[in-house]
């Protein structure tokens, strides 16, 4: 199983079919996901220190637009390889009451993969 490491946070294993946002939240990482993992709000942003995937969903690519390459959307990434990430938006640093609705187990919208 791939190992996910969080800067200044935990290190854990995740199934390759697990969405990164879910793996992070399920392992106690403080991360926002206000739209419920639908590539709409960009609050689940992460930066990669290592292990960034070379594929991306069209939904993520469209949402990032001119910010492409600065960060990624954890709701659109599968834990297919070892990676080290830093969440950008955290519930504890916001004025919100909750992180957002739990994302579905599968990537939404239905992924169409492209190469980065």
C-alpha atoms as a PDB file:
ATOM      1  CA  UNK A   1       0.000   0.000   0.000  1.00  0.00           C
ATOM      2  CA  UNK A   2       1.213   3.530  -0.718  1.00  0.00           C
ATOM      3  CA  UNK A   3       2.458   5.661   2.179  1.00  0.00           C
ATOM      4  CA  UNK A   4       1.025   9.162   2.559  1.00  0.00           C
ATOM      5  CA  UNK A   5       3.092  11.647   4.570  1.00  0.00           C
ATOM      6  CA  UNK A   6       1.776  15.015   5.707  1.00  0.00           C
ATOM      7  CA  UNK A   7       4.187  17.856   6.390  1.00  0.00           C
ATOM      8  CA  UNK A   8       4.057  18.495  10.157  1.00  0.00           C
ATOM      9  CA  UNK A   9       1.492  15.695  10.422  1.00  0.00           C
ATOM     10  CA  UNK A  10       0.973  11.957  10.333  1.00  0.00           C
ATOM     11  CA  UNK A  11       2.304   9.306   8.011  1.00  0.00           C
ATOM     12  CA  UNK A  12      -0.048   6.465   7.089  1.00  0.00           C
ATOM     13  CA  UNK A  13      -0.839   3.873   4.452  1.00  0.00           C
ATOM     14  CA  UNK A  14      -3.829   4.148   2.117  1.00  0.00           C
ATOM     15  CA  UNK A  15      -5.435   1.923  -0.479  1.00  0.00           C
ATOM     16  CA  UNK A  16      -4.535   2.963  -4.025  1.00  0.00           C
ATOM     17  CA  UNK A  17      -8.241   3.437  -4.831  1.00  0.00           C
ATOM     18  CA  UNK A  18      -8.802   5.907  -1.960  1.00  0.00           C
ATOM     19  CA  UNK A  19      -9.257   9.596  -2.710  1.00  0.00           C
ATOM     20  CA  UNK A  20      -6.505  11.652  -1.084  1.00  0.00           C
ATOM     21  CA  UNK A  21      -8.994  13.985   0.650  1.00  0.00           C
ATOM     22  CA  UNK A  22     -10.681  11.009   2.353  1.00  0.00           C
ATOM     23  CA  UNK A  23      -7.370   9.397   3.328  1.00  0.00           C
ATOM     24  CA  UNK A  24      -6.249  12.677   4.894  1.00  0.00           C
ATOM     25  CA  UNK A  25      -9.458  13.258   6.833  1.00  0.00           C
ATOM     26  CA  UNK A  26      -9.760   9.638   7.961  1.00  0.00           C
ATOM     27  CA  UNK A  27      -6.245   9.841   9.381  1.00  0.00           C
ATOM     28  CA  UNK A  28      -6.880  12.979  11.425  1.00  0.00           C
ATOM     29  CA  UNK A  29      -5.517  15.584   9.022  1.00  0.00           C
ATOM     30  CA  UNK A  30      -7.206  18.964   9.373  1.00  0.00           C
ATOM     31  CA  UNK A  31      -8.324  19.818   5.806  1.00  0.00           C
ATOM     32  CA  UNK A  32     -11.318  21.622   4.325  1.00  0.00           C
ATOM     33  CA  UNK A  33     -13.514  20.179   1.555  1.00  0.00           C
ATOM     34  CA  UNK A  34     -16.472  22.564   1.449  1.00  0.00           C
ATOM     35  CA  UNK A  35     -18.037  21.310  -1.816  1.00  0.00           C
ATOM     36  CA  UNK A  36     -17.963  17.676  -0.750  1.00  0.00           C
ATOM     37  CA  UNK A  37     -15.208  16.648  -3.134  1.00  0.00           C
ATOM     38  CA  UNK A  38     -16.729  17.766  -6.430  1.00  0.00           C
ATOM     39  CA  UNK A  39     -13.848  19.925  -7.759  1.00  0.00           C
ATOM     40  CA  UNK A  40     -15.862  23.119  -7.318  1.00  0.00           C
ATOM     41  CA  UNK A  41     -14.578  25.069  -4.314  1.00  0.00           C
ATOM     42  CA  UNK A  42     -10.802  24.326  -4.225  1.00  0.00           C
ATOM     43  CA  UNK A  43     -10.688  24.305  -0.396  1.00  0.00           C
ATOM     44  CA  UNK A  44      -9.105  20.819  -0.419  1.00  0.00           C
ATOM     45  CA  UNK A  45      -5.914  22.172  -2.007  1.00  0.00           C
ATOM     46  CA  UNK A  46      -2.586  20.530  -1.243  1.00  0.00           C
ATOM     47  CA  UNK A  47       0.963  21.132  -2.346  1.00  0.00           C
ATOM     48  CA  UNK A  48       3.258  18.219  -3.073  1.00  0.00           C
ATOM     49  CA  UNK A  49       6.703  17.821  -1.557  1.00  0.00           C
ATOM     50  CA  UNK A  50       7.088  14.437  -3.314  1.00  0.00           C
ATOM     51  CA  UNK A  51       5.087  11.878  -5.246  1.00  0.00           C
ATOM     52  CA  UNK A  52       2.813  14.112  -7.307  1.00  0.00           C
ATOM     53  CA  UNK A  53       0.795  12.126  -9.825  1.00  0.00           C
ATOM     54  CA  UNK A  54       1.382  12.888 -13.491  1.00  0.00           C
ATOM     55  CA  UNK A  55      -2.307  12.456 -14.254  1.00  0.00           C
ATOM     56  CA  UNK A  56      -5.199  14.759 -13.439  1.00  0.00           C
ATOM     57  CA  UNK A  57      -8.931  14.801 -13.974  1.00  0.00           C
ATOM     58  CA  UNK A  58     -10.331  17.224 -16.519  1.00  0.00           C
ATOM     59  CA  UNK A  59     -12.477  18.687 -13.707  1.00  0.00           C
ATOM     60  CA  UNK A  60      -9.347  19.499 -11.677  1.00  0.00           C
ATOM     61  CA  UNK A  61      -7.564  20.921 -14.707  1.00  0.00           C
ATOM     62  CA  UNK A  62     -10.531  23.170 -15.531  1.00  0.00           C
ATOM     63  CA  UNK A  63     -10.919  24.341 -11.920  1.00  0.00           C
ATOM     64  CA  UNK A  64      -7.216  25.143 -11.444  1.00  0.00           C
ATOM     65  CA  UNK A  65      -6.965  27.058 -14.728  1.00  0.00           C
ATOM     66  CA  UNK A  66      -4.144  29.583 -14.524  1.00  0.00           C
ATOM     67  CA  UNK A  67      -3.122  28.214 -11.087  1.00  0.00           C
ATOM     68  CA  UNK A  68      -2.164  24.887 -12.658  1.00  0.00           C
ATOM     69  CA  UNK A  69       1.140  23.736 -11.194  1.00  0.00           C
ATOM     70  CA  UNK A  70       0.830  25.720  -7.939  1.00  0.00           C
ATOM     71  CA  UNK A  71      -1.279  23.186  -6.048  1.00  0.00           C
ATOM     72  CA  UNK A  72      -3.596  20.225  -6.582  1.00  0.00           C
ATOM     73  CA  UNK A  73      -7.123  19.312  -5.443  1.00  0.00           C
ATOM     74  CA  UNK A  74      -6.966  16.388  -3.016  1.00  0.00           C
ATOM     75  CA  UNK A  75     -10.540  15.419  -3.943  1.00  0.00           C
ATOM     76  CA  UNK A  76      -9.370  14.588  -7.484  1.00  0.00           C
ATOM     77  CA  UNK A  77      -6.309  12.502  -6.588  1.00  0.00           C
ATOM     78  CA  UNK A  78      -6.079   8.791  -5.846  1.00  0.00           C
ATOM     79  CA  UNK A  79      -3.487   7.467  -3.390  1.00  0.00           C
ATOM     80  CA  UNK A  80      -1.793   5.397  -6.107  1.00  0.00           C
ATOM     81  CA  UNK A  81       1.805   6.013  -5.018  1.00  0.00           C
ATOM     82  CA  UNK A  82       3.803   7.245  -2.036  1.00  0.00           C
ATOM     83  CA  UNK A  83       3.375  10.987  -1.588  1.00  0.00           C
ATOM     84  CA  UNK A  84       4.218  13.821   0.789  1.00  0.00           C
ATOM     85  CA  UNK A  85       1.678  16.663   0.881  1.00  0.00           C
ATOM     86  CA  UNK A  86       0.858  19.858   2.741  1.00  0.00           C
ATOM     87  CA  UNK A  87      -2.816  20.859   3.101  1.00  0.00           C
ATOM     88  CA  UNK A  88      -3.349  24.553   2.360  1.00  0.00           C
ATOM     89  CA  UNK A  89      -6.751  25.255   3.942  1.00  0.00           C
ATOM     90  CA  UNK A  90      -7.440  23.879   7.410  1.00  0.00           C
ATOM     91  CA  UNK A  91     -10.658  23.911   9.396  1.00  0.00           C
ATOM     92  CA  UNK A  92      -8.765  24.988  12.526  1.00  0.00           C
ATOM     93  CA  UNK A  93      -7.562  28.127  10.730  1.00  0.00           C
ATOM     94  CA  UNK A  94     -11.006  29.042   9.402  1.00  0.00           C
ATOM     95  CA  UNK A  95     -14.136  30.456  10.976  1.00  0.00           C
ATOM     96  CA  UNK A  96     -16.221  27.541   9.699  1.00  0.00           C
ATOM     97  CA  UNK A  97     -18.064  25.054  11.915  1.00  0.00           C
ATOM     98  CA  UNK A  98     -17.139  21.964   9.894  1.00  0.00           C
ATOM     99  CA  UNK A  99     -14.830  20.881   7.072  1.00  0.00           C
ATOM    100  CA  UNK A 100     -17.705  20.296   4.648  1.00  0.00           C
ATOM    101  CA  UNK A 101     -19.805  17.303   3.601  1.00  0.00           C
ATOM    102  CA  UNK A 102     -17.927  14.020   3.413  1.00  0.00           C
ATOM    103  CA  UNK A 103     -16.848  13.354  -0.178  1.00  0.00           C
ATOM    104  CA  UNK A 104     -18.101  10.237  -1.937  1.00  0.00           C
ATOM    105  CA  UNK A 105     -15.760   7.250  -1.946  1.00  0.00           C
ATOM    106  CA  UNK A 106     -15.278   7.574  -5.719  1.00  0.00           C
ATOM    107  CA  UNK A 107     -14.031  10.646  -7.572  1.00  0.00           C
ATOM    108  CA  UNK A 108     -16.797  13.033  -8.561  1.00  0.00           C
ATOM    109  CA  UNK A 109     -17.606  14.183 -11.129  1.00  0.00           C
ATOM    110  CA  UNK A 110     -16.861  10.980 -13.067  1.00  0.00           C
ATOM    111  CA  UNK A 111     -13.142  11.335 -13.873  1.00  0.00           C
ATOM    112  CA  UNK A 112     -11.782  11.841 -17.352  1.00  0.00           C
ATOM    113  CA  UNK A 113      -8.006  11.521 -16.947  1.00  0.00           C
ATOM    114  CA  UNK A 114      -5.396  13.697 -18.661  1.00  0.00           C
ATOM    115  CA  UNK A 115      -1.608  13.835 -18.376  1.00  0.00           C
ATOM    116  CA  UNK A 116      -0.003  16.800 -16.597  1.00  0.00           C
END
